Amino acid sequence: MDVYFSKVKNYLLELEYNISNENEEDGVFVINNEDEGISNMIIVCADPILIMEQYLFDIKKDDINIYKSLLEKNRDIIHGAFALDEEGKKVIFRDTLQLENLDLNEIEGSLNSLSLLLSEYSGKIIGFSK
């Protein structure tokens, strides 16, 4: 088992995240934690980095106010940021961490950052998705 994949898996289990899917060959996990608002979050071990992505909502119409609000909120996010997919239609939360020195506190900090963001900004996210 790849050392980074194993390390990340152990951290996720220690943090009590449900791993609904994993593929060691591709270095991919899909995790869930309903209590934290995390659903089908993709985590990829892509040496030398760990990529964490959580789909949030689709952009229904181009609206400068939505983009402006997301960019302003990025300033407040402790770890990670809002990002758009390649097509510019899906808003995701994305964070990257270095695998070489990754520890439990780092991965927990990123996951907690997303949970905090979802708890304080969910009203806006729901509004944007309509």
N, C-alpha and C. Protein backbone atom coordinates (compact mmCIF):
# COMPACT_ATOMS: atom_id res chain seq x y z
N MET A 1 0.85 -1.19 0.00
CA MET A 1 0.00 0.00 0.00
C MET A 1 0.89 1.24 0.00
N ASP A 2 0.57 2.18 -0.88
CA ASP A 2 1.32 3.42 -0.95
C ASP A 2 1.33 4.09 0.43
N VAL A 3 2.50 4.55 0.84
CA VAL A 3 2.64 5.11 2.19
C VAL A 3 1.75 6.33 2.40
N TYR A 4 1.64 7.21 1.39
CA TYR A 4 0.79 8.40 1.55
C TYR A 4 -0.69 8.01 1.59
N PHE A 5 -1.08 7.11 0.72
CA PHE A 5 -2.47 6.66 0.68
C PHE A 5 -2.87 6.07 2.02
N SER A 6 -2.03 5.22 2.55
CA SER A 6 -2.28 4.59 3.84
C SER A 6 -2.34 5.63 4.96
N LYS A 7 -1.43 6.58 4.94
CA LYS A 7 -1.39 7.63 5.95
C LYS A 7 -2.67 8.47 5.93
N VAL A 8 -3.09 8.87 4.74
CA VAL A 8 -4.31 9.68 4.60
C VAL A 8 -5.52 8.86 5.04
N LYS A 9 -5.59 7.62 4.64
CA LYS A 9 -6.71 6.76 5.04
C LYS A 9 -6.80 6.66 6.56
N ASN A 10 -5.68 6.45 7.21
CA ASN A 10 -5.67 6.36 8.67
C ASN A 10 -6.13 7.66 9.31
N TYR A 11 -5.71 8.79 8.78
CA TYR A 11 -6.15 10.08 9.31
C TYR A 11 -7.66 10.25 9.15
N LEU A 12 -8.18 9.91 7.99
CA LEU A 12 -9.62 10.04 7.75
C LEU A 12 -10.43 9.17 8.70
N LEU A 13 -9.95 7.95 8.92
CA LEU A 13 -10.64 7.05 9.84
C LEU A 13 -10.54 7.56 11.28
N GLU A 14 -9.38 8.08 11.64
CA GLU A 14 -9.22 8.63 12.99
C GLU A 14 -10.14 9.83 13.22
N LEU A 15 -10.37 10.61 12.17
CA LEU A 15 -11.26 11.77 12.27
C LEU A 15 -12.73 11.37 12.13
N GLU A 16 -12.99 10.08 11.98
CA GLU A 16 -14.33 9.50 11.91
C GLU A 16 -15.11 9.92 10.67
N TYR A 17 -14.40 10.01 9.54
CA TYR A 17 -15.05 10.23 8.26
C TYR A 17 -15.37 8.89 7.65
N ASN A 18 -16.52 8.79 7.01
CA ASN A 18 -16.92 7.58 6.33
C ASN A 18 -16.27 7.59 4.94
N ILE A 19 -15.50 6.57 4.64
CA ILE A 19 -14.90 6.44 3.31
C ILE A 19 -15.86 5.58 2.49
N SER A 20 -16.60 6.23 1.59
CA SER A 20 -17.60 5.50 0.81
C SER A 20 -17.01 4.83 -0.42
N ASN A 21 -15.83 5.30 -0.83
CA ASN A 21 -15.17 4.71 -1.98
C ASN A 21 -13.69 5.02 -1.88
N GLU A 22 -12.87 4.10 -2.33
CA GLU A 22 -11.43 4.34 -2.36
C GLU A 22 -10.81 3.54 -3.50
N ASN A 23 -9.78 4.12 -4.09
CA ASN A 23 -9.06 3.47 -5.17
C ASN A 23 -7.58 3.75 -4.96
N GLU A 24 -6.89 2.76 -4.41
CA GLU A 24 -5.48 2.96 -4.07
C GLU A 24 -4.63 3.22 -5.32
N GLU A 25 -4.95 2.54 -6.40
CA GLU A 25 -4.19 2.70 -7.63
C GLU A 25 -4.20 4.15 -8.11
N ASP A 26 -5.37 4.80 -8.02
CA ASP A 26 -5.50 6.20 -8.44
C ASP A 26 -5.27 7.16 -7.29
N GLY A 27 -5.16 6.65 -6.06
CA GLY A 27 -4.94 7.50 -4.88
C GLY A 27 -6.15 8.33 -4.50
N VAL A 28 -7.35 7.79 -4.73
CA VAL A 28 -8.58 8.56 -4.56
C VAL A 28 -9.44 8.00 -3.43
N PHE A 29 -9.98 8.93 -2.64
CA PHE A 29 -10.98 8.62 -1.62
C PHE A 29 -12.23 9.45 -1.90
N VAL A 30 -13.38 8.91 -1.56
CA VAL A 30 -14.62 9.68 -1.50
C VAL A 30 -15.09 9.56 -0.06
N ILE A 31 -15.25 10.72 0.61
CA ILE A 31 -15.61 10.68 2.03
C ILE A 31 -16.91 11.42 2.30
N ASN A 32 -17.51 11.08 3.45
CA ASN A 32 -18.75 11.69 3.89
C ASN A 32 -18.72 11.88 5.40
N ASN A 33 -19.38 12.93 5.84
CA ASN A 33 -19.63 13.15 7.25
C ASN A 33 -20.83 14.09 7.32
N GLU A 34 -22.01 13.50 7.41
CA GLU A 34 -23.24 14.29 7.38
C GLU A 34 -23.29 15.36 8.46
N ASP A 35 -22.77 15.05 9.65
CA ASP A 35 -22.78 16.02 10.75
C ASP A 35 -21.99 17.28 10.41
N GLU A 36 -21.00 17.14 9.56
CA GLU A 36 -20.14 18.27 9.17
C GLU A 36 -20.55 18.88 7.83
N GLY A 37 -21.59 18.32 7.20
CA GLY A 37 -22.06 18.84 5.92
C GLY A 37 -21.24 18.38 4.73
N ILE A 38 -20.39 17.39 4.93
CA ILE A 38 -19.51 16.92 3.87
C ILE A 38 -20.13 15.69 3.21
N SER A 39 -20.30 15.78 1.88
CA SER A 39 -20.96 14.72 1.14
C SER A 39 -20.21 14.47 -0.17
N ASN A 40 -19.73 13.26 -0.33
CA ASN A 40 -19.01 12.87 -1.55
C ASN A 40 -17.82 13.77 -1.85
N MET A 41 -17.08 14.13 -0.82
CA MET A 41 -15.86 14.91 -1.01
C MET A 41 -14.79 14.02 -1.62
N ILE A 42 -14.13 14.53 -2.64
CA ILE A 42 -13.07 13.80 -3.32
C ILE A 42 -11.73 14.21 -2.73
N ILE A 43 -10.94 13.22 -2.35
CA ILE A 43 -9.59 13.47 -1.85
C ILE A 43 -8.64 12.63 -2.70
N VAL A 44 -7.62 13.31 -3.26
CA VAL A 44 -6.70 12.64 -4.17
C VAL A 44 -5.27 12.80 -3.67
N CYS A 45 -4.59 11.68 -3.52
CA CYS A 45 -3.16 11.68 -3.21
C CYS A 45 -2.43 11.74 -4.54
N ALA A 46 -1.97 12.92 -4.91
CA ALA A 46 -1.28 13.13 -6.18
C ALA A 46 0.11 13.66 -5.86
N ASP A 47 0.98 12.76 -5.42
CA ASP A 47 2.31 13.12 -4.97
C ASP A 47 2.92 14.20 -5.87
N PRO A 48 3.26 15.34 -5.33
CA PRO A 48 3.59 15.62 -3.94
C PRO A 48 2.47 16.30 -3.13
N ILE A 49 1.24 16.37 -3.69
CA ILE A 49 0.19 17.08 -2.97
C ILE A 49 -1.03 16.21 -2.73
N LEU A 50 -1.82 16.64 -1.74
CA LEU A 50 -3.14 16.08 -1.46
C LEU A 50 -4.15 17.10 -1.94
N ILE A 51 -5.07 16.68 -2.77
CA ILE A 51 -6.10 17.58 -3.31
C ILE A 51 -7.43 17.20 -2.67
N MET A 52 -8.12 18.20 -2.15
CA MET A 52 -9.43 17.99 -1.52
C MET A 52 -10.45 18.85 -2.26
N GLU A 53 -11.51 18.22 -2.76
CA GLU A 53 -12.54 18.97 -3.48
C GLU A 53 -13.93 18.52 -3.03
N GLN A 54 -14.76 19.52 -2.73
CA GLN A 54 -16.16 19.29 -2.35
C GLN A 54 -17.04 20.10 -3.29
N TYR A 55 -17.85 19.42 -4.09
CA TYR A 55 -18.82 20.10 -4.94
C TYR A 55 -19.83 20.82 -4.05
N LEU A 56 -20.15 22.07 -4.40
CA LEU A 56 -21.10 22.85 -3.61
C LEU A 56 -22.39 23.14 -4.37
N PHE A 57 -22.29 23.71 -5.57
CA PHE A 57 -23.50 24.01 -6.35
C PHE A 57 -23.13 24.34 -7.79
N ASP A 58 -24.17 24.36 -8.65
CA ASP A 58 -24.01 24.74 -10.05
C ASP A 58 -24.34 26.22 -10.22
N ILE A 59 -23.60 26.87 -11.08
CA ILE A 59 -23.90 28.25 -11.47
C ILE A 59 -25.00 28.17 -12.53
N LYS A 60 -26.18 28.70 -12.21
CA LYS A 60 -27.31 28.64 -13.15
C LYS A 60 -27.22 29.74 -14.21
N LYS A 61 -26.72 30.90 -13.81
CA LYS A 61 -26.58 32.01 -14.75
C LYS A 61 -25.37 32.84 -14.33
N ASP A 62 -24.69 33.36 -15.33
CA ASP A 62 -23.55 34.23 -15.02
C ASP A 62 -24.05 35.48 -14.33
N ASP A 63 -23.56 35.70 -13.12
CA ASP A 63 -23.97 36.86 -12.34
C ASP A 63 -22.73 37.38 -11.61
N ILE A 64 -22.31 38.54 -11.98
CA ILE A 64 -21.09 39.12 -11.39
C ILE A 64 -21.19 39.22 -9.88
N ASN A 65 -22.40 39.42 -9.36
CA ASN A 65 -22.57 39.53 -7.91
C ASN A 65 -22.27 38.21 -7.18
N ILE A 66 -22.59 37.09 -7.82
CA ILE A 66 -22.26 35.78 -7.23
C ILE A 66 -20.75 35.61 -7.18
N TYR A 67 -20.10 35.87 -8.31
CA TYR A 67 -18.64 35.72 -8.37
C TYR A 67 -17.95 36.67 -7.38
N LYS A 68 -18.45 37.88 -7.30
CA LYS A 68 -17.86 38.86 -6.38
C LYS A 68 -18.02 38.40 -4.94
N SER A 69 -19.20 37.92 -4.58
CA SER A 69 -19.45 37.46 -3.22
C SER A 69 -18.56 36.26 -2.87
N LEU A 70 -18.39 35.34 -3.82
CA LEU A 70 -17.53 34.17 -3.57
C LEU A 70 -16.07 34.60 -3.37
N LEU A 71 -15.61 35.53 -4.20
CA LEU A 71 -14.23 36.01 -4.05
C LEU A 71 -14.03 36.75 -2.73
N GLU A 72 -15.01 37.53 -2.33
CA GLU A 72 -14.91 38.23 -1.05
C GLU A 72 -14.88 37.23 0.11
N LYS A 73 -15.70 36.19 0.02
CA LYS A 73 -15.73 35.18 1.08
C LYS A 73 -14.43 34.38 1.13
N ASN A 74 -13.78 34.20 -0.01
CA ASN A 74 -12.50 33.49 -0.02
C ASN A 74 -11.52 34.09 0.97
N ARG A 75 -11.59 35.38 1.15
CA ARG A 75 -10.68 36.06 2.07
C ARG A 75 -10.87 35.59 3.52
N ASP A 76 -12.08 35.18 3.85
CA ASP A 76 -12.40 34.76 5.22
C ASP A 76 -12.15 33.28 5.48
N ILE A 77 -12.02 32.49 4.42
CA ILE A 77 -11.86 31.04 4.58
C ILE A 77 -10.47 30.76 5.14
N ILE A 78 -10.43 29.99 6.22
CA ILE A 78 -9.17 29.71 6.91
C ILE A 78 -8.24 28.86 6.05
N HIS A 79 -8.73 27.74 5.53
CA HIS A 79 -7.98 26.85 4.64
C HIS A 79 -8.85 26.59 3.43
N GLY A 80 -8.26 26.54 2.26
CA GLY A 80 -9.02 26.24 1.05
C GLY A 80 -9.67 27.49 0.48
N ALA A 81 -10.42 27.29 -0.60
CA ALA A 81 -11.06 28.41 -1.28
C ALA A 81 -12.17 27.90 -2.20
N PHE A 82 -13.04 28.82 -2.58
CA PHE A 82 -14.00 28.52 -3.63
C PHE A 82 -13.24 28.47 -4.95
N ALA A 83 -13.68 27.59 -5.84
CA ALA A 83 -13.09 27.49 -7.17
C ALA A 83 -14.19 27.05 -8.14
N LEU A 84 -13.93 27.26 -9.42
CA LEU A 84 -14.83 26.78 -10.47
C LEU A 84 -14.21 25.58 -11.15
N ASP A 85 -15.06 24.68 -11.64
CA ASP A 85 -14.54 23.55 -12.41
C ASP A 85 -14.05 24.05 -13.78
N GLU A 86 -13.54 23.13 -14.58
CA GLU A 86 -12.96 23.50 -15.88
C GLU A 86 -13.95 24.19 -16.80
N GLU A 87 -15.21 23.88 -16.66
CA GLU A 87 -16.24 24.47 -17.53
C GLU A 87 -16.83 25.75 -16.95
N GLY A 88 -16.46 26.08 -15.73
CA GLY A 88 -16.97 27.30 -15.12
C GLY A 88 -18.42 27.22 -14.69
N LYS A 89 -18.93 26.01 -14.51
CA LYS A 89 -20.34 25.83 -14.16
C LYS A 89 -20.56 25.32 -12.74
N LYS A 90 -19.58 24.65 -12.17
CA LYS A 90 -19.72 24.08 -10.82
C LYS A 90 -18.81 24.83 -9.86
N VAL A 91 -19.37 25.19 -8.70
CA VAL A 91 -18.57 25.81 -7.65
C VAL A 91 -18.16 24.71 -6.68
N ILE A 92 -16.88 24.66 -6.39
CA ILE A 92 -16.34 23.66 -5.48
C ILE A 92 -15.52 24.36 -4.40
N PHE A 93 -15.37 23.67 -3.29
CA PHE A 93 -14.39 24.05 -2.27
C PHE A 93 -13.16 23.22 -2.60
N ARG A 94 -11.99 23.86 -2.64
CA ARG A 94 -10.76 23.14 -2.98
C ARG A 94 -9.64 23.55 -2.03
N ASP A 95 -8.88 22.57 -1.60
CA ASP A 95 -7.70 22.83 -0.80
C ASP A 95 -6.62 21.84 -1.22
N THR A 96 -5.37 22.26 -1.11
CA THR A 96 -4.25 21.38 -1.40
C THR A 96 -3.27 21.44 -0.23
N LEU A 97 -2.71 20.29 0.09
CA LEU A 97 -1.73 20.17 1.18
C LEU A 97 -0.54 19.37 0.67
N GLN A 98 0.61 19.59 1.26
CA GLN A 98 1.80 18.82 0.93
C GLN A 98 1.73 17.44 1.58
N LEU A 99 1.91 16.40 0.82
CA LEU A 99 1.85 15.04 1.35
C LEU A 99 3.06 14.69 2.21
N GLU A 100 4.22 15.17 1.84
CA GLU A 100 5.45 14.75 2.51
C GLU A 100 5.42 14.99 4.01
N ASN A 101 4.90 16.14 4.43
CA ASN A 101 4.88 16.49 5.85
C ASN A 101 3.47 16.54 6.43
N LEU A 102 2.52 15.93 5.74
CA LEU A 102 1.13 15.97 6.17
C LEU A 102 0.97 15.34 7.55
N ASP A 103 0.22 16.04 8.40
CA ASP A 103 -0.10 15.46 9.71
C ASP A 103 -1.60 15.57 9.94
N LEU A 104 -2.05 14.94 11.00
CA LEU A 104 -3.47 14.89 11.31
C LEU A 104 -4.07 16.29 11.47
N ASN A 105 -3.34 17.19 12.12
CA ASN A 105 -3.85 18.53 12.35
C ASN A 105 -4.11 19.29 11.05
N GLU A 106 -3.26 19.09 10.05
CA GLU A 106 -3.45 19.78 8.78
C GLU A 106 -4.71 19.33 8.06
N ILE A 107 -4.87 18.02 7.95
CA ILE A 107 -6.05 17.52 7.24
C ILE A 107 -7.33 17.86 8.02
N GLU A 108 -7.25 17.80 9.35
CA GLU A 108 -8.39 18.17 10.18
C GLU A 108 -8.71 19.65 10.02
N GLY A 109 -7.69 20.49 9.94
CA GLY A 109 -7.90 21.93 9.75
C GLY A 109 -8.62 22.24 8.45
N SER A 110 -8.24 21.56 7.39
CA SER A 110 -8.89 21.78 6.10
C SER A 110 -10.35 21.32 6.13
N LEU A 111 -10.59 20.16 6.70
CA LEU A 111 -11.96 19.65 6.79
C LEU A 111 -12.82 20.54 7.70
N ASN A 112 -12.25 21.01 8.81
CA ASN A 112 -12.97 21.90 9.71
C ASN A 112 -13.26 23.24 9.04
N SER A 113 -12.34 23.71 8.22
CA SER A 113 -12.54 24.96 7.50
C SER A 113 -13.76 24.86 6.60
N LEU A 114 -13.88 23.74 5.88
CA LEU A 114 -15.05 23.53 5.03
C LEU A 114 -16.32 23.46 5.87
N SER A 115 -16.29 22.74 6.96
CA SER A 115 -17.48 22.63 7.82
C SER A 115 -17.91 23.98 8.35
N LEU A 116 -16.95 24.79 8.77
CA LEU A 116 -17.26 26.14 9.25
C LEU A 116 -17.85 26.99 8.14
N LEU A 117 -17.25 26.91 6.97
CA LEU A 117 -17.76 27.65 5.82
C LEU A 117 -19.20 27.27 5.53
N LEU A 118 -19.49 25.98 5.53
CA LEU A 118 -20.84 25.52 5.23
C LEU A 118 -21.83 25.96 6.30
N SER A 119 -21.40 25.98 7.55
CA SER A 119 -22.33 26.36 8.62
C SER A 119 -22.64 27.86 8.60
N GLU A 120 -21.67 28.67 8.26
CA GLU A 120 -21.91 30.12 8.32
C GLU A 120 -22.35 30.72 6.99
N TYR A 121 -22.17 30.02 5.89
CA TYR A 121 -22.42 30.59 4.57
C TYR A 121 -23.46 29.80 3.78
N SER A 122 -24.10 28.84 4.43
CA SER A 122 -25.03 27.96 3.72
C SER A 122 -26.22 28.72 3.12
N GLY A 123 -26.71 29.74 3.80
CA GLY A 123 -27.82 30.51 3.26
C GLY A 123 -27.49 31.13 1.92
N LYS A 124 -26.30 31.71 1.82
CA LYS A 124 -25.84 32.33 0.57
C LYS A 124 -25.66 31.26 -0.51
N ILE A 125 -25.07 30.14 -0.12
CA ILE A 125 -24.84 29.06 -1.09
C ILE A 125 -26.16 28.57 -1.65
N ILE A 126 -27.14 28.39 -0.79
CA ILE A 126 -28.47 27.96 -1.25
C ILE A 126 -29.07 29.00 -2.20
N GLY A 127 -28.93 30.27 -1.84
CA GLY A 127 -29.43 31.34 -2.70
C GLY A 127 -28.76 31.36 -4.06
N PHE A 128 -27.44 31.17 -4.08
CA PHE A 128 -26.69 31.16 -5.34
C PHE A 128 -27.10 29.99 -6.23
N SER A 129 -27.47 28.88 -5.62
CA SER A 129 -27.78 27.69 -6.40
C SER A 129 -29.15 27.75 -7.07
N LYS A 130 -29.96 28.74 -6.71
CA LYS A 130 -31.30 28.84 -7.27
C LYS A 130 -31.32 29.66 -8.55
